[in-house]
Protein backbone atom coordinates (compact mmCIF):
# COMPACT_ATOMS: atom_id res chain seq x y z
CA UNK A 1 104.13 115.74 117.57
CA UNK A 2 107.81 115.54 116.70
CA UNK A 3 109.92 112.66 115.43
CA UNK A 4 111.68 112.16 118.81
CA UNK A 5 108.25 112.01 120.50
CA UNK A 6 107.28 109.09 118.27
CA UNK A 7 110.64 107.35 118.08
CA UNK A 8 112.14 107.07 121.52
CA UNK A 9 113.71 110.07 123.27
CA UNK A 10 115.88 113.19 123.14
CA UNK A 11 118.87 111.14 121.97
CA UNK A 12 117.27 110.83 118.55
CA UNK A 13 119.67 111.65 115.71
CA UNK A 14 118.98 111.83 111.98
CA UNK A 15 121.27 109.65 109.93
CA UNK A 16 121.67 110.97 106.42
CA UNK A 17 124.14 110.22 103.68
CA UNK A 18 125.64 113.68 103.35
CA UNK A 19 123.82 114.38 100.08
CA UNK A 20 123.41 118.04 99.18
CA UNK A 21 119.65 117.91 99.76
CA UNK A 22 120.28 116.78 103.36
CA UNK A 23 122.80 119.56 103.95
CA UNK A 24 120.91 122.50 102.46
CA UNK A 25 120.49 125.73 104.41
CA UNK A 26 116.72 125.21 104.56
CA UNK A 27 117.08 121.70 106.03
CA UNK A 28 119.76 122.89 108.48
CA UNK A 29 117.48 125.71 109.66
CA UNK A 30 114.52 123.32 110.09
CA UNK A 31 116.64 120.89 112.12
CA UNK A 32 117.91 123.74 114.30
CA UNK A 33 114.38 125.09 114.86
CA UNK A 34 113.25 121.59 115.88
CA UNK A 35 116.33 120.80 117.99
CA UNK A 36 117.27 117.80 115.86
CA UNK A 37 120.80 116.48 115.54
CA UNK A 38 122.24 114.91 112.41
CA UNK A 39 124.94 112.32 112.18
CA UNK A 40 128.07 112.96 110.23
CA UNK A 41 128.00 110.33 107.52
CA UNK A 42 130.15 110.12 104.41
CA UNK A 43 128.60 109.99 100.96
CA UNK A 44 128.67 106.64 99.16
CA UNK A 45 128.91 104.78 102.46
CA UNK A 46 127.15 101.48 103.18
CA UNK A 47 123.41 102.03 103.52
CA UNK A 48 122.58 101.56 107.17
CA UNK A 49 119.76 104.01 107.58
CA UNK A 50 116.65 102.09 108.69
CA UNK A 51 114.44 104.48 106.70
CA UNK A 52 115.69 102.76 103.54
CA UNK A 53 113.74 99.67 104.61
CA UNK A 54 110.63 101.79 105.05
CA UNK A 55 111.10 103.36 101.59
CA UNK A 56 111.48 99.87 100.10
CA UNK A 57 108.21 98.76 101.71
CA UNK A 58 106.41 101.91 100.56
CA UNK A 59 107.74 101.50 97.00
CA UNK A 60 106.68 97.86 96.78
CA UNK A 61 103.14 98.55 97.98
CA UNK A 62 101.82 100.41 94.93
CA UNK A 63 103.25 97.76 92.58
CA UNK A 64 101.12 95.17 94.33
CA UNK A 65 98.05 97.42 94.16
CA UNK A 66 98.56 98.12 90.43
CA UNK A 67 97.50 101.76 90.19
CA UNK A 68 95.72 102.70 86.95
CA UNK A 69 96.85 106.33 86.88
CA UNK A 70 98.90 108.93 88.71
CA UNK A 71 96.09 109.76 91.14
CA UNK A 72 95.77 106.07 92.09
CA UNK A 73 99.51 105.91 92.65
CA UNK A 74 99.44 109.04 94.83
CA UNK A 75 96.48 107.72 96.83
CA UNK A 76 98.15 104.32 97.29
CA UNK A 77 101.47 105.78 98.47
CA UNK A 78 99.74 108.18 100.88
CA UNK A 79 97.64 105.34 102.27
CA UNK A 80 100.64 103.02 102.68
CA UNK A 81 102.67 105.78 104.34
CA UNK A 82 99.93 106.89 106.74
CA UNK A 83 99.19 103.29 107.77
CA UNK A 84 102.79 102.13 108.05
CA UNK A 85 103.13 100.14 111.29
CA UNK A 86 105.28 101.80 113.95
CA UNK A 87 106.28 98.33 115.19
CA UNK A 88 107.89 97.69 111.81
CA UNK A 89 109.89 100.92 112.14
CA UNK A 90 111.02 99.84 115.60
CA UNK A 91 112.04 96.45 114.21
CA UNK A 92 114.22 98.13 111.59
CA UNK A 93 115.77 100.36 114.23
CA UNK A 94 116.47 97.39 116.52
CA UNK A 95 118.35 95.76 113.64
CA UNK A 96 120.94 98.55 113.65
CA UNK A 97 123.50 96.84 115.95
CA UNK A 98 123.61 93.84 113.58
CA UNK A 99 123.93 96.10 110.56
CA UNK A 100 126.72 98.16 112.07
CA UNK A 101 128.57 95.04 113.18
CA UNK A 102 128.29 93.57 109.68
CA UNK A 103 129.80 96.73 108.17
CA UNK A 104 132.58 96.71 110.75
CA UNK A 105 133.28 93.02 110.05
CA UNK A 106 133.41 93.80 106.32
CA UNK A 107 135.70 96.79 107.01
CA UNK A 108 133.23 99.09 105.31
CA UNK A 109 132.71 96.77 102.36
CA UNK A 110 129.67 94.95 101.04
CA UNK A 111 127.17 93.39 103.45
CA UNK A 112 123.79 91.77 102.92
CA UNK A 113 122.24 94.97 104.26
């Protein structure tokens, strides 16, 4: 199953921040092999990528579970990630028009997002 199969349709586009790790030859080849498009996004731009909300949720989870060692931490993160609700991802994605409008209203400056 591919990302576009899970999240909507063939219009799916990765939004990345232009960091070197997102622009590596290996990543570019993988995206090409999987027919995935990437947005053109400047570095140090306002964070609009909905995956940042998912990362925040995943990071907060282990703190609440209080892992005792590295294996506990790994187990907790894997469990949180594999059970992350798709509806929550969709909610973050649906928030994009508000986020983009807020950045436009702030002329690229600070927003609450």
